[in-house]
């Protein structure tokens, strides 16, 4: 199915079954390479990100396990999703992500690498920092909440509210030959703290 058709279906489902509030979308560059970093509470986070009103071409890095699940794969493939093996350093996925980003596409990444078990921020990995520092592209943080129990509410005929609050666009310094591990750690901390301030306090935890 073509991306435009799938996007319309997802947007229709989101906006008919839930109330989605996109806040501060002016922070998202209207064009050009950009990495959108988000917390990860639910399988709904990616559809919410894909439904944003500013960058309809956005794609994302998604765990490889969904490649073996036909329903999810059918949907995700429509959006040009890049599958990444979270159990190892997946250089192939990173090469593809670099190529897509530098083509001018917005790329969504969840630095935590997996959904939170506690609905709070967990310690993040350095993949998004590495991409941003190597490519020197802008980053837009987004804090998403309300997705953690949205599916259960919909199943009970309730109408959940989901919020995606975007933060100030920023850039990380270029990665130098110094202590790369420390540079990446500090950059990841900055990314996650910028996400944390966009969330209600109960979702912050580690940051």
N, C-alpha and C. Protein backbone atom coordinates (compact mmCIF):
# COMPACT_ATOMS: atom_id res chain seq x y z
N UNK A 1 0.84 -1.19 0.00
CA UNK A 1 0.00 0.00 0.00
C UNK A 1 0.87 1.25 0.00
N UNK A 2 0.47 2.26 -0.76
CA UNK A 2 1.24 3.49 -0.82
C UNK A 2 1.23 4.21 0.53
N UNK A 3 2.34 4.91 0.78
CA UNK A 3 2.49 5.62 2.05
C UNK A 3 1.33 6.58 2.31
N UNK A 4 0.94 7.35 1.29
CA UNK A 4 -0.11 8.35 1.49
C UNK A 4 -1.42 7.72 1.95
N UNK A 5 -1.75 6.55 1.39
CA UNK A 5 -2.98 5.87 1.77
C UNK A 5 -2.90 5.34 3.20
N UNK A 6 -1.74 4.72 3.54
CA UNK A 6 -1.58 4.20 4.89
C UNK A 6 -1.57 5.34 5.91
N UNK A 7 -0.94 6.46 5.54
CA UNK A 7 -0.89 7.59 6.45
C UNK A 7 -2.29 8.14 6.74
N UNK A 8 -3.12 8.19 5.72
CA UNK A 8 -4.49 8.67 5.90
C UNK A 8 -5.28 7.72 6.81
N UNK A 9 -5.05 6.42 6.64
CA UNK A 9 -5.74 5.44 7.48
C UNK A 9 -5.33 5.60 8.94
N UNK A 10 -4.01 5.71 9.18
CA UNK A 10 -3.51 5.85 10.55
C UNK A 10 -4.00 7.15 11.17
N UNK A 11 -3.94 8.23 10.42
CA UNK A 11 -4.42 9.52 10.95
C UNK A 11 -5.91 9.45 11.27
N UNK A 12 -6.69 8.80 10.41
CA UNK A 12 -8.13 8.68 10.65
C UNK A 12 -8.41 7.88 11.92
N UNK A 13 -7.65 6.78 12.10
CA UNK A 13 -7.84 5.97 13.31
C UNK A 13 -7.45 6.74 14.56
N UNK A 14 -6.30 7.42 14.49
CA UNK A 14 -5.84 8.19 15.65
C UNK A 14 -6.83 9.29 16.03
N UNK A 15 -7.28 10.02 15.03
CA UNK A 15 -8.11 11.18 15.33
C UNK A 15 -9.58 10.83 15.57
N UNK A 16 -9.99 9.63 15.21
CA UNK A 16 -11.37 9.21 15.51
C UNK A 16 -11.47 8.44 16.82
N UNK A 17 -10.40 7.71 17.15
CA UNK A 17 -10.44 6.89 18.36
C UNK A 17 -9.77 7.57 19.55
N UNK A 18 -8.94 8.58 19.29
CA UNK A 18 -8.24 9.29 20.36
C UNK A 18 -8.28 10.79 20.08
N UNK A 19 -7.79 11.56 21.04
CA UNK A 19 -7.53 12.98 20.81
C UNK A 19 -6.02 13.16 20.86
N UNK A 20 -5.42 13.54 19.74
CA UNK A 20 -3.97 13.72 19.67
C UNK A 20 -3.66 15.21 19.61
N UNK A 21 -2.90 15.66 20.59
CA UNK A 21 -2.48 17.07 20.64
C UNK A 21 -1.01 17.16 20.24
N UNK A 22 -0.74 17.82 19.11
CA UNK A 22 0.63 18.09 18.70
C UNK A 22 0.96 19.51 19.13
N UNK A 23 1.92 19.65 20.04
CA UNK A 23 2.25 20.95 20.60
C UNK A 23 3.63 21.42 20.14
N UNK A 24 3.75 22.72 19.88
CA UNK A 24 5.02 23.35 19.50
C UNK A 24 5.59 22.77 18.21
N UNK A 25 4.74 22.46 17.25
CA UNK A 25 5.22 21.87 16.00
C UNK A 25 6.05 22.84 15.17
N UNK A 26 6.00 24.13 15.51
CA UNK A 26 6.82 25.12 14.80
C UNK A 26 8.31 24.86 15.02
N UNK A 27 8.64 24.05 16.04
CA UNK A 27 10.04 23.72 16.30
C UNK A 27 10.60 22.74 15.27
N UNK A 28 9.75 22.08 14.52
CA UNK A 28 10.20 21.09 13.53
C UNK A 28 10.57 21.80 12.24
N UNK A 29 11.81 21.69 11.76
CA UNK A 29 12.15 22.28 10.47
C UNK A 29 11.23 21.75 9.38
N UNK A 30 10.76 22.63 8.53
CA UNK A 30 9.79 22.24 7.50
C UNK A 30 10.41 21.38 6.41
N UNK A 31 11.73 21.43 6.29
CA UNK A 31 12.40 20.62 5.26
C UNK A 31 13.85 20.39 5.67
N UNK A 32 14.49 19.46 4.97
CA UNK A 32 15.89 19.18 5.23
C UNK A 32 16.11 18.09 6.25
N UNK A 33 17.36 17.61 6.36
CA UNK A 33 17.67 16.53 7.29
C UNK A 33 17.38 16.92 8.73
N UNK A 34 16.77 16.03 9.48
CA UNK A 34 16.51 16.26 10.90
C UNK A 34 16.27 14.91 11.58
N UNK A 35 16.73 14.82 12.81
CA UNK A 35 16.47 13.64 13.64
C UNK A 35 15.49 14.03 14.72
N UNK A 36 14.39 13.31 14.82
CA UNK A 36 13.38 13.55 15.86
C UNK A 36 13.54 12.46 16.91
N UNK A 37 13.92 12.87 18.13
CA UNK A 37 14.17 11.90 19.20
C UNK A 37 12.99 11.88 20.18
N UNK A 38 12.55 10.71 20.56
CA UNK A 38 11.36 10.60 21.38
C UNK A 38 11.53 9.56 22.49
N UNK A 39 10.76 9.71 23.55
CA UNK A 39 10.64 8.63 24.54
C UNK A 39 9.78 7.53 23.94
N UNK A 40 9.70 6.40 24.61
CA UNK A 40 9.00 5.25 24.02
C UNK A 40 8.17 4.53 25.07
N UNK A 41 6.86 4.74 25.01
CA UNK A 41 5.93 4.15 25.98
C UNK A 41 5.09 3.02 25.41
N UNK A 42 4.84 3.06 24.09
CA UNK A 42 3.83 2.18 23.52
C UNK A 42 4.09 1.97 22.03
N UNK A 43 3.47 0.93 21.47
CA UNK A 43 3.53 0.72 20.02
C UNK A 43 2.84 1.87 19.27
N UNK A 44 2.06 2.66 19.97
CA UNK A 44 1.39 3.79 19.33
C UNK A 44 2.30 4.99 19.12
N UNK A 45 3.46 5.01 19.77
CA UNK A 45 4.35 6.18 19.67
C UNK A 45 4.76 6.45 18.22
N UNK A 46 5.14 5.40 17.51
CA UNK A 46 5.57 5.58 16.12
C UNK A 46 4.42 6.07 15.23
N UNK A 47 3.22 5.47 15.30
CA UNK A 47 2.11 6.03 14.52
C UNK A 47 1.83 7.51 14.85
N UNK A 48 1.94 7.87 16.13
CA UNK A 48 1.74 9.28 16.50
C UNK A 48 2.80 10.14 15.83
N UNK A 49 4.03 9.69 15.84
CA UNK A 49 5.12 10.44 15.21
C UNK A 49 4.91 10.52 13.70
N UNK A 50 4.49 9.42 13.09
CA UNK A 50 4.26 9.39 11.64
C UNK A 50 3.10 10.29 11.24
N UNK A 51 2.20 10.56 12.17
CA UNK A 51 1.03 11.38 11.87
C UNK A 51 1.24 12.86 12.11
N UNK A 52 2.48 13.28 12.41
CA UNK A 52 2.72 14.69 12.70
C UNK A 52 2.35 15.57 11.51
N UNK A 53 1.91 16.80 11.74
CA UNK A 53 1.40 17.64 10.65
C UNK A 53 2.46 18.41 9.87
N UNK A 54 3.74 18.32 10.25
CA UNK A 54 4.78 19.14 9.61
C UNK A 54 5.64 18.34 8.64
N UNK A 55 6.04 17.13 9.03
CA UNK A 55 6.92 16.32 8.19
C UNK A 55 6.26 15.00 7.84
N UNK A 56 5.35 15.00 6.87
CA UNK A 56 4.61 13.78 6.54
C UNK A 56 5.50 12.67 5.98
N UNK A 57 6.73 13.02 5.54
CA UNK A 57 7.61 12.00 4.96
C UNK A 57 8.45 11.30 6.02
N UNK A 58 8.27 11.64 7.29
CA UNK A 58 9.11 11.10 8.35
C UNK A 58 9.09 9.57 8.36
N UNK A 59 10.25 9.00 8.62
CA UNK A 59 10.35 7.56 8.81
C UNK A 59 11.00 7.32 10.16
N UNK A 60 11.39 6.09 10.47
CA UNK A 60 11.92 5.82 11.81
C UNK A 60 12.77 4.56 11.82
N UNK A 61 13.59 4.45 12.85
CA UNK A 61 14.30 3.21 13.16
C UNK A 61 13.41 2.39 14.11
N UNK A 62 13.15 1.15 13.75
CA UNK A 62 12.24 0.29 14.51
C UNK A 62 12.91 -1.06 14.75
N UNK A 63 12.64 -1.66 15.90
CA UNK A 63 13.24 -2.95 16.25
C UNK A 63 12.96 -4.02 15.18
N UNK A 64 13.99 -4.79 14.88
CA UNK A 64 13.93 -5.80 13.82
C UNK A 64 12.85 -6.85 14.06
N UNK A 65 12.47 -7.06 15.33
CA UNK A 65 11.49 -8.11 15.63
C UNK A 65 10.17 -7.89 14.90
N UNK A 66 9.85 -6.63 14.57
CA UNK A 66 8.58 -6.35 13.89
C UNK A 66 8.63 -6.77 12.42
N UNK A 67 9.81 -7.04 11.91
CA UNK A 67 9.94 -7.50 10.54
C UNK A 67 9.34 -8.89 10.35
N UNK A 68 9.26 -9.65 11.44
CA UNK A 68 8.72 -11.01 11.37
C UNK A 68 7.26 -11.08 11.80
N UNK A 69 6.64 -9.92 11.99
CA UNK A 69 5.23 -9.87 12.37
C UNK A 69 4.44 -9.25 11.22
N UNK A 70 3.77 -10.07 10.41
CA UNK A 70 3.18 -9.61 9.15
C UNK A 70 2.31 -8.36 9.26
N UNK A 71 1.48 -8.28 10.29
CA UNK A 71 0.59 -7.12 10.42
C UNK A 71 1.38 -5.83 10.56
N UNK A 72 2.34 -5.83 11.51
CA UNK A 72 3.15 -4.64 11.74
C UNK A 72 4.05 -4.35 10.54
N UNK A 73 4.62 -5.40 9.95
CA UNK A 73 5.51 -5.21 8.80
C UNK A 73 4.78 -4.58 7.64
N UNK A 74 3.55 -5.00 7.40
CA UNK A 74 2.75 -4.44 6.31
C UNK A 74 2.58 -2.93 6.48
N UNK A 75 2.30 -2.52 7.71
CA UNK A 75 2.11 -1.09 7.98
C UNK A 75 3.44 -0.35 7.91
N UNK A 76 4.46 -0.87 8.60
CA UNK A 76 5.73 -0.17 8.70
C UNK A 76 6.44 -0.05 7.36
N UNK A 77 6.35 -1.08 6.54
CA UNK A 77 7.01 -1.03 5.24
C UNK A 77 6.45 0.09 4.37
N UNK A 78 5.19 0.45 4.59
CA UNK A 78 4.58 1.54 3.82
C UNK A 78 5.27 2.87 4.09
N UNK A 79 5.92 2.97 5.26
CA UNK A 79 6.55 4.23 5.65
C UNK A 79 8.07 4.21 5.48
N UNK A 80 8.58 3.20 4.80
CA UNK A 80 10.01 3.14 4.57
C UNK A 80 10.81 2.95 5.85
N UNK A 81 10.22 2.28 6.82
CA UNK A 81 10.87 2.06 8.11
C UNK A 81 12.20 1.31 7.93
N UNK A 82 13.20 1.68 8.73
CA UNK A 82 14.47 0.98 8.76
C UNK A 82 14.48 0.08 9.99
N UNK A 83 14.67 -1.20 9.78
CA UNK A 83 14.68 -2.16 10.89
C UNK A 83 16.09 -2.26 11.46
N UNK A 84 16.20 -2.25 12.79
CA UNK A 84 17.49 -2.31 13.44
C UNK A 84 17.51 -3.43 14.47
N UNK A 85 18.62 -4.18 14.48
CA UNK A 85 18.80 -5.24 15.46
C UNK A 85 19.34 -4.60 16.74
N UNK A 86 18.49 -4.51 17.76
CA UNK A 86 18.86 -3.84 19.00
C UNK A 86 19.81 -4.67 19.86
N UNK A 87 20.06 -5.92 19.48
CA UNK A 87 20.90 -6.78 20.31
C UNK A 87 22.38 -6.65 19.99
N UNK A 88 22.69 -5.88 18.94
CA UNK A 88 24.10 -5.73 18.55
C UNK A 88 24.29 -4.37 17.88
N UNK A 89 25.53 -4.06 17.55
CA UNK A 89 25.81 -2.84 16.80
C UNK A 89 25.44 -3.09 15.33
N UNK A 90 24.29 -2.62 14.92
CA UNK A 90 23.76 -2.91 13.58
C UNK A 90 24.26 -1.83 12.61
N UNK A 91 25.46 -2.03 12.07
CA UNK A 91 26.07 -1.03 11.20
C UNK A 91 25.31 -0.87 9.89
N UNK A 92 24.69 -1.95 9.41
CA UNK A 92 23.91 -1.87 8.19
C UNK A 92 22.74 -0.92 8.33
N UNK A 93 22.02 -1.03 9.45
CA UNK A 93 20.88 -0.14 9.70
C UNK A 93 21.33 1.30 9.84
N UNK A 94 22.48 1.51 10.49
CA UNK A 94 23.00 2.87 10.66
C UNK A 94 23.42 3.47 9.33
N UNK A 95 24.02 2.67 8.47
CA UNK A 95 24.39 3.18 7.14
C UNK A 95 23.16 3.60 6.36
N UNK A 96 22.11 2.77 6.44
CA UNK A 96 20.87 3.10 5.74
C UNK A 96 20.24 4.35 6.34
N UNK A 97 20.27 4.47 7.67
CA UNK A 97 19.70 5.65 8.33
C UNK A 97 20.45 6.91 7.92
N UNK A 98 21.78 6.85 7.86
CA UNK A 98 22.57 8.01 7.43
C UNK A 98 22.18 8.44 6.02
N UNK A 99 22.04 7.44 5.16
CA UNK A 99 21.69 7.72 3.76
C UNK A 99 20.32 8.41 3.66
N UNK A 100 19.36 7.90 4.42
CA UNK A 100 18.00 8.45 4.37
C UNK A 100 17.96 9.86 4.96
N UNK A 101 18.64 10.06 6.08
CA UNK A 101 18.67 11.38 6.71
C UNK A 101 19.28 12.41 5.78
N UNK A 102 20.42 12.07 5.19
CA UNK A 102 21.11 13.04 4.34
C UNK A 102 20.41 13.27 3.01
N UNK A 103 19.41 12.45 2.70
CA UNK A 103 18.58 12.70 1.51
C UNK A 103 17.56 13.80 1.78
N UNK A 104 17.48 14.23 3.07
CA UNK A 104 16.54 15.29 3.43
C UNK A 104 15.30 14.81 4.14
N UNK A 105 15.29 13.54 4.54
CA UNK A 105 14.13 12.95 5.22
C UNK A 105 14.26 13.10 6.73
N UNK A 106 13.15 13.33 7.40
CA UNK A 106 13.12 13.35 8.87
C UNK A 106 13.16 11.92 9.39
N UNK A 107 13.99 11.69 10.42
CA UNK A 107 14.16 10.34 10.96
C UNK A 107 13.78 10.32 12.43
N UNK A 108 12.84 9.48 12.81
CA UNK A 108 12.44 9.33 14.20
C UNK A 108 13.24 8.23 14.88
N UNK A 109 13.75 8.52 16.07
CA UNK A 109 14.54 7.54 16.82
C UNK A 109 14.16 7.61 18.29
N UNK A 110 14.00 6.46 18.93
CA UNK A 110 13.80 6.38 20.38
C UNK A 110 15.13 5.98 21.01
N UNK A 111 15.86 6.92 21.62
CA UNK A 111 17.19 6.60 22.16
C UNK A 111 17.20 5.49 23.21
N UNK A 112 16.07 5.27 23.89
CA UNK A 112 16.03 4.21 24.90
C UNK A 112 16.13 2.82 24.27
N UNK A 113 15.77 2.73 23.00
CA UNK A 113 15.93 1.48 22.27
C UNK A 113 14.78 0.50 22.41
N UNK A 114 13.92 0.69 23.38
CA UNK A 114 12.80 -0.22 23.59
C UNK A 114 11.74 0.49 24.42
N UNK A 115 10.55 -0.10 24.46
CA UNK A 115 9.49 0.52 25.25
C UNK A 115 9.79 0.44 26.75
N UNK A 116 9.40 1.47 27.47
CA UNK A 116 9.62 1.50 28.91
C UNK A 116 8.66 0.55 29.62
N UNK A 117 9.18 -0.21 30.57
CA UNK A 117 8.33 -1.11 31.36
C UNK A 117 7.61 -0.38 32.48
N UNK A 118 8.08 0.82 32.80
CA UNK A 118 7.56 1.56 33.96
C UNK A 118 6.80 2.82 33.57
N UNK A 119 6.72 3.09 32.26
CA UNK A 119 6.15 4.34 31.74
C UNK A 119 7.00 5.56 32.09
N UNK A 120 8.24 5.32 32.51
CA UNK A 120 9.17 6.40 32.81
C UNK A 120 10.41 6.24 31.94
N UNK A 121 11.15 7.32 31.80
CA UNK A 121 12.36 7.30 30.98
C UNK A 121 13.38 6.31 31.54
N UNK A 122 13.95 5.51 30.66
CA UNK A 122 14.99 4.57 31.04
C UNK A 122 16.33 5.05 30.48
N UNK A 123 17.41 4.46 30.93
CA UNK A 123 18.72 4.86 30.44
C UNK A 123 18.81 4.64 28.94
N UNK A 124 19.28 5.65 28.23
CA UNK A 124 19.31 5.61 26.77
C UNK A 124 20.63 5.08 26.24
N UNK A 125 20.60 4.68 24.96
CA UNK A 125 21.80 4.26 24.25
C UNK A 125 22.31 5.42 23.39
N UNK A 126 23.52 5.26 22.86
CA UNK A 126 24.19 6.39 22.21
C UNK A 126 23.98 6.47 20.69
N UNK A 127 23.14 5.61 20.12
CA UNK A 127 22.99 5.57 18.67
C UNK A 127 22.53 6.87 18.06
N UNK A 128 21.53 7.50 18.64
CA UNK A 128 21.02 8.76 18.08
C UNK A 128 22.06 9.86 18.18
N UNK A 129 22.82 9.89 19.28
CA UNK A 129 23.88 10.88 19.45
C UNK A 129 24.96 10.68 18.39
N UNK A 130 25.34 9.44 18.16
CA UNK A 130 26.37 9.15 17.17
C UNK A 130 25.96 9.63 15.79
N UNK A 131 24.73 9.32 15.39
CA UNK A 131 24.24 9.77 14.09
C UNK A 131 24.24 11.29 13.98
N UNK A 132 23.71 11.96 15.00
CA UNK A 132 23.59 13.41 14.97
C UNK A 132 24.95 14.10 14.96
N UNK A 133 25.90 13.56 15.72
CA UNK A 133 27.22 14.19 15.80
C UNK A 133 28.03 13.93 14.54
N UNK A 134 27.89 12.76 13.95
CA UNK A 134 28.60 12.46 12.71
C UNK A 134 28.05 13.25 11.53
N UNK A 135 26.72 13.36 11.47
CA UNK A 135 26.09 14.01 10.32
C UNK A 135 25.92 15.51 10.49
N UNK A 136 26.02 15.98 11.74
CA UNK A 136 25.84 17.40 12.05
C UNK A 136 24.50 17.93 11.53
N UNK A 137 23.44 17.19 11.84
CA UNK A 137 22.09 17.60 11.47
C UNK A 137 21.34 18.03 12.72
N UNK A 138 20.33 18.88 12.58
CA UNK A 138 19.55 19.31 13.75
C UNK A 138 18.75 18.18 14.37
N UNK A 139 18.48 18.34 15.65
CA UNK A 139 17.70 17.37 16.42
C UNK A 139 16.49 18.09 17.00
N UNK A 140 15.35 17.43 16.94
CA UNK A 140 14.14 17.95 17.59
C UNK A 140 13.68 16.92 18.62
N UNK A 141 13.66 17.27 19.90
CA UNK A 141 13.15 16.32 20.91
C UNK A 141 11.63 16.38 20.97
N UNK A 142 11.02 15.26 21.31
CA UNK A 142 9.57 15.24 21.51
C UNK A 142 9.26 14.34 22.70
N UNK A 143 8.39 14.80 23.56
CA UNK A 143 7.91 14.01 24.67
C UNK A 143 6.49 13.57 24.39
N UNK A 144 6.28 12.27 24.32
CA UNK A 144 4.94 11.72 24.04
C UNK A 144 4.40 11.07 25.30
N UNK A 145 3.18 11.39 25.66
CA UNK A 145 2.55 10.70 26.78
C UNK A 145 1.06 10.54 26.52
N UNK A 146 0.49 9.57 27.19
CA UNK A 146 -0.91 9.23 26.96
C UNK A 146 -1.06 7.98 26.10
N UNK A 147 0.05 7.56 25.47
CA UNK A 147 0.00 6.35 24.64
C UNK A 147 0.09 5.08 25.48
N UNK A 148 0.62 5.22 26.71
CA UNK A 148 0.93 4.02 27.50
C UNK A 148 -0.30 3.17 27.81
N UNK A 149 -1.48 3.77 27.89
CA UNK A 149 -2.69 2.99 28.16
C UNK A 149 -3.80 3.30 27.15
N UNK A 150 -3.42 3.92 26.04
CA UNK A 150 -4.42 4.34 25.06
C UNK A 150 -5.14 3.15 24.42
N UNK A 151 -4.40 2.09 24.10
CA UNK A 151 -5.04 0.94 23.45
C UNK A 151 -6.04 0.27 24.37
N UNK A 152 -5.69 0.17 25.67
CA UNK A 152 -6.62 -0.41 26.64
C UNK A 152 -7.88 0.44 26.77
N UNK A 153 -7.71 1.74 26.77
CA UNK A 153 -8.87 2.63 26.87
C UNK A 153 -9.77 2.51 25.65
N UNK A 154 -9.16 2.46 24.47
CA UNK A 154 -9.95 2.32 23.24
C UNK A 154 -10.73 1.01 23.27
N UNK A 155 -10.08 -0.06 23.77
CA UNK A 155 -10.75 -1.37 23.86
C UNK A 155 -11.94 -1.33 24.80
N UNK A 156 -11.93 -0.38 25.75
CA UNK A 156 -13.03 -0.22 26.70
C UNK A 156 -13.97 0.92 26.29
N UNK A 157 -13.87 1.30 25.01
CA UNK A 157 -14.75 2.34 24.43
C UNK A 157 -14.54 3.70 25.10
N UNK A 158 -13.34 3.94 25.56
CA UNK A 158 -12.99 5.26 26.08
C UNK A 158 -12.20 6.00 25.01
N UNK A 159 -12.10 7.32 25.18
CA UNK A 159 -11.45 8.17 24.19
C UNK A 159 -10.22 8.81 24.83
N UNK A 160 -9.05 8.17 24.73
CA UNK A 160 -7.85 8.68 25.41
C UNK A 160 -7.29 9.94 24.75
N UNK A 161 -6.57 10.70 25.54
CA UNK A 161 -5.89 11.89 25.04
C UNK A 161 -4.39 11.60 24.99
N UNK A 162 -3.80 11.89 23.85
CA UNK A 162 -2.36 11.68 23.62
C UNK A 162 -1.74 13.04 23.32
N UNK A 163 -0.59 13.30 23.94
CA UNK A 163 0.11 14.55 23.71
C UNK A 163 1.50 14.28 23.16
N UNK A 164 1.86 14.98 22.10
CA UNK A 164 3.22 14.96 21.55
C UNK A 164 3.72 16.40 21.60
N UNK A 165 4.60 16.67 22.56
CA UNK A 165 5.10 18.04 22.76
C UNK A 165 6.53 18.13 22.22
N UNK A 166 6.73 18.99 21.23
CA UNK A 166 8.03 19.15 20.60
C UNK A 166 8.83 20.25 21.28
N UNK A 167 10.14 20.04 21.38
CA UNK A 167 11.02 21.00 22.02
C UNK A 167 11.87 21.74 21.02
N UNK A 168 12.71 22.61 21.53
CA UNK A 168 13.55 23.47 20.70
C UNK A 168 14.52 22.64 19.85
N UNK A 169 14.63 22.99 18.59
CA UNK A 169 15.56 22.36 17.68
C UNK A 169 16.99 22.74 18.09
N UNK A 170 17.90 21.76 18.10
CA UNK A 170 19.28 22.05 18.51
C UNK A 170 20.25 21.15 17.75
N UNK A 171 21.54 21.44 17.87
CA UNK A 171 22.57 20.61 17.26
C UNK A 171 23.61 20.23 18.31
N UNK A 172 24.15 19.05 18.17
CA UNK A 172 25.23 18.60 19.05
C UNK A 172 26.57 18.96 18.42
N UNK A 173 27.61 19.12 19.23
CA UNK A 173 28.94 19.40 18.67
C UNK A 173 29.44 18.22 17.85
N UNK A 174 30.35 18.49 16.95
CA UNK A 174 30.92 17.44 16.12
C UNK A 174 31.76 16.50 16.98
N UNK A 175 31.69 15.22 16.67
CA UNK A 175 32.45 14.22 17.40
C UNK A 175 33.93 14.37 17.05
N UNK A 176 34.77 14.51 18.08
CA UNK A 176 36.20 14.71 17.85
C UNK A 176 36.98 13.45 18.20
N UNK A 177 38.32 13.53 18.09
CA UNK A 177 39.16 12.36 18.32
C UNK A 177 39.45 12.11 19.80
N UNK A 178 38.92 12.93 20.65
CA UNK A 178 39.14 12.77 22.08
C UNK A 178 38.45 11.54 22.63
N UNK A 179 37.98 11.63 23.84
CA UNK A 179 37.29 10.52 24.49
C UNK A 179 35.89 10.39 23.89
N UNK A 180 35.77 9.58 22.86
CA UNK A 180 34.49 9.44 22.14
C UNK A 180 33.39 8.93 23.05
N UNK A 181 33.73 7.99 23.93
CA UNK A 181 32.73 7.42 24.82
C UNK A 181 32.12 8.50 25.72
N UNK A 182 32.97 9.36 26.26
CA UNK A 182 32.47 10.43 27.12
C UNK A 182 31.66 11.45 26.33
N UNK A 183 32.14 11.78 25.12
CA UNK A 183 31.40 12.71 24.27
C UNK A 183 30.00 12.19 23.96
N UNK A 184 29.92 10.93 23.59
CA UNK A 184 28.62 10.33 23.26
C UNK A 184 27.72 10.25 24.48
N UNK A 185 28.30 9.89 25.62
CA UNK A 185 27.52 9.82 26.85
C UNK A 185 26.92 11.19 27.18
N UNK A 186 27.74 12.23 27.12
CA UNK A 186 27.26 13.58 27.44
C UNK A 186 26.19 14.04 26.46
N UNK A 187 26.39 13.70 25.18
CA UNK A 187 25.40 14.08 24.18
C UNK A 187 24.07 13.38 24.40
N UNK A 188 24.14 12.09 24.74
CA UNK A 188 22.93 11.32 25.01
C UNK A 188 22.20 11.87 26.24
N UNK A 189 22.97 12.25 27.26
CA UNK A 189 22.38 12.86 28.45
C UNK A 189 21.62 14.13 28.08
N UNK A 190 22.23 14.94 27.21
CA UNK A 190 21.56 16.19 26.81
C UNK A 190 20.27 15.89 26.06
N UNK A 191 20.32 14.95 25.14
CA UNK A 191 19.12 14.58 24.39
C UNK A 191 18.00 14.15 25.33
N UNK A 192 18.32 13.26 26.27
CA UNK A 192 17.29 12.72 27.15
C UNK A 192 16.77 13.77 28.13
N UNK A 193 17.63 14.67 28.57
CA UNK A 193 17.16 15.74 29.45
C UNK A 193 16.22 16.68 28.71
N UNK A 194 16.51 16.90 27.42
CA UNK A 194 15.63 17.75 26.61
C UNK A 194 14.27 17.08 26.38
N UNK A 195 14.26 15.75 26.28
CA UNK A 195 13.00 15.02 26.19
C UNK A 195 12.27 15.09 27.53
N UNK A 196 13.02 14.91 28.62
CA UNK A 196 12.42 14.86 29.96
C UNK A 196 11.64 16.12 30.29
N UNK A 197 12.18 17.29 29.93
CA UNK A 197 11.50 18.54 30.29
C UNK A 197 10.20 18.73 29.51
N UNK A 198 10.00 17.93 28.48
CA UNK A 198 8.76 18.01 27.69
C UNK A 198 7.67 17.10 28.24
N UNK A 199 8.02 16.32 29.26
CA UNK A 199 7.08 15.35 29.83
C UNK A 199 6.63 15.77 31.22
N UNK A 200 5.42 15.40 31.62
CA UNK A 200 5.04 15.57 33.03
C UNK A 200 6.03 14.84 33.93
N UNK A 201 6.23 15.32 35.13
CA UNK A 201 7.28 14.82 36.01
C UNK A 201 7.20 13.31 36.24
N UNK A 202 6.01 12.75 36.31
CA UNK A 202 5.88 11.33 36.63
C UNK A 202 6.49 10.41 35.58
N UNK A 203 6.76 10.96 34.38
CA UNK A 203 7.33 10.14 33.30
C UNK A 203 8.85 10.21 33.25
N UNK A 204 9.50 11.05 34.07
CA UNK A 204 10.91 11.34 33.87
C UNK A 204 11.86 10.31 34.46
N UNK A 205 11.71 9.94 35.70
CA UNK A 205 12.51 8.91 36.38
C UNK A 205 14.01 9.10 36.20
N UNK A 206 14.65 8.32 35.28
CA UNK A 206 16.11 8.28 35.20
C UNK A 206 16.71 9.65 34.90
N UNK A 207 15.95 10.52 34.22
CA UNK A 207 16.46 11.83 33.84
C UNK A 207 15.69 12.95 34.56
